Amino acid sequence: MNRGDVYWVDLNPTQGSEINKQRPCVIVGATPINRARNTVVVVPLSTAARSRPPIVISVQCLGKQVAAICDQIRTVDKSRFMKSAGKLSTEDMDILDDSLRQILSL
């Protein structure tokens, strides 16, 4: 599980306004930490959301443009991971990193 990899993740159960269901998520945590821990930090992807930087940004995944929902960043247990769905490009990861810095005031 490397930074930038995309996996199908079961995000249920959720509460309130948390993004739910099984959906692709991009790993944003550092690769050495992903390997050492049982949890991984991800950003969920959606085909329904419209781009509204920095909260929602457009990235290429699964052969199409999808939205990375940056304000729904979360830590999930590795048991929620179902199967690999590809990898984001370096360019898309750079855009995602910039958005996360703004969202998290880093």
Protein backbone atom coordinates (compact mmCIF):
# COMPACT_ATOMS: atom_id res chain seq x y z
CA MET A 1 0.00 0.00 0.00
CA ASN A 2 1.91 2.94 -1.36
CA ARG A 3 1.16 6.65 -1.34
CA GLY A 4 -0.82 7.47 -4.50
CA ASP A 5 -2.30 3.97 -4.90
CA VAL A 6 -6.07 3.80 -5.36
CA TYR A 7 -8.09 1.00 -3.74
CA TRP A 8 -11.77 0.18 -3.45
CA VAL A 9 -12.58 0.74 0.23
CA ASP A 10 -15.73 -0.06 2.20
CA LEU A 11 -16.39 3.18 4.10
CA ASN A 12 -19.55 1.92 5.86
CA PRO A 13 -20.73 2.32 8.53
CA THR A 14 -20.63 6.09 8.63
CA GLN A 15 -22.34 8.79 10.64
CA GLY A 16 -23.89 12.10 9.69
CA SER A 17 -22.29 13.79 6.69
CA GLU A 18 -19.38 11.37 6.29
CA ILE A 19 -18.94 10.04 2.75
CA ASN A 20 -20.19 6.45 2.61
CA LYS A 21 -20.47 3.20 0.64
CA GLN A 22 -17.82 1.25 -1.25
CA ARG A 23 -15.77 3.64 -3.35
CA PRO A 24 -12.26 4.15 -4.65
CA CYS A 25 -9.94 6.00 -2.30
CA VAL A 26 -6.43 7.32 -2.87
CA ILE A 27 -3.80 6.63 -0.22
CA VAL A 28 -2.25 9.91 0.98
CA GLY A 29 -0.29 8.67 4.00
CA ALA A 30 3.46 8.07 3.80
CA THR A 31 4.36 4.64 2.42
CA PRO A 32 6.61 3.60 5.37
CA ILE A 33 3.81 4.40 7.82
CA ASN A 34 1.27 2.52 5.66
CA ARG A 35 3.47 -0.56 5.87
CA ALA A 36 4.06 -0.29 9.62
CA ARG A 37 0.51 0.45 10.81
CA ASN A 38 -2.86 -1.32 10.50
CA THR A 39 -4.50 1.94 9.44
CA VAL A 40 -4.08 4.06 6.30
CA VAL A 41 -4.97 7.70 5.58
CA VAL A 42 -7.10 8.06 2.42
CA VAL A 43 -9.07 10.59 0.40
CA PRO A 44 -12.31 9.22 -1.11
CA LEU A 45 -13.07 9.61 -4.83
CA SER A 46 -16.48 10.29 -6.38
CA THR A 47 -17.96 10.43 -9.87
CA ALA A 48 -20.89 12.59 -8.76
CA ALA A 49 -19.12 15.55 -7.15
CA ARG A 50 -18.22 18.72 -9.07
CA SER A 51 -14.76 20.23 -8.86
CA ARG A 52 -14.56 23.05 -6.27
CA PRO A 53 -10.86 23.52 -5.40
CA PRO A 54 -9.42 23.11 -2.85
CA ILE A 55 -12.23 21.08 -1.25
CA VAL A 56 -13.06 18.95 -4.31
CA ILE A 57 -10.52 18.53 -7.12
CA SER A 58 -10.60 16.71 -10.43
CA VAL A 59 -8.19 13.77 -10.94
CA GLN A 60 -7.83 10.98 -13.49
CA CYS A 61 -8.64 7.50 -12.15
CA LEU A 62 -10.22 4.32 -13.49
CA GLY A 63 -9.91 5.72 -17.02
CA LYS A 64 -12.03 8.81 -16.34
CA GLN A 65 -12.14 12.14 -14.54
CA VAL A 66 -13.30 11.76 -10.95
CA ALA A 67 -13.42 14.05 -7.93
CA ALA A 68 -11.15 13.73 -4.91
CA ILE A 69 -13.16 14.87 -1.88
CA CYS A 70 -10.30 16.44 0.08
CA ASP A 71 -12.33 17.54 3.10
CA GLN A 72 -13.38 13.90 3.70
CA ILE A 73 -9.81 12.73 4.42
CA ARG A 74 -9.92 9.89 6.92
CA THR A 75 -8.02 7.05 8.49
CA VAL A 76 -9.32 3.56 7.75
CA ASP A 77 -8.35 0.11 8.93
CA LYS A 78 -6.67 -2.09 6.30
CA SER A 79 -9.52 -4.61 6.71
CA ARG A 80 -11.77 -2.12 4.82
CA PHE A 81 -9.62 -2.40 1.66
CA MET A 82 -11.17 -4.60 -1.04
CA LYS A 83 -9.11 -4.47 -4.24
CA SER A 84 -6.64 -2.30 -6.11
CA ALA A 85 -8.03 0.28 -8.55
CA GLY A 86 -4.83 1.79 -9.95
CA LYS A 87 -2.65 4.75 -9.08
CA LEU A 88 -2.87 8.54 -9.42
CA SER A 89 -0.32 10.27 -11.62
CA THR A 90 2.45 12.37 -10.09
CA GLU A 91 0.73 15.49 -11.43
CA ASP A 92 -2.60 14.58 -9.82
CA MET A 93 -0.85 13.76 -6.53
CA ASP A 94 0.83 17.20 -6.60
CA ILE A 95 -2.57 18.88 -7.05
CA LEU A 96 -4.04 16.71 -4.28
CA ASP A 97 -1.13 17.61 -1.97
CA ASP A 98 -1.68 21.34 -2.60
CA SER A 99 -5.38 20.99 -1.83
CA LEU A 100 -4.71 19.03 1.37
CA ARG A 101 -2.24 21.69 2.52
CA GLN A 102 -4.97 24.32 2.11
CA ILE A 103 -7.68 22.21 3.75
CA LEU A 104 -5.43 21.38 6.73
CA SER A 105 -3.72 24.83 6.92
CA LEU A 106 -0.25 23.31 6.53
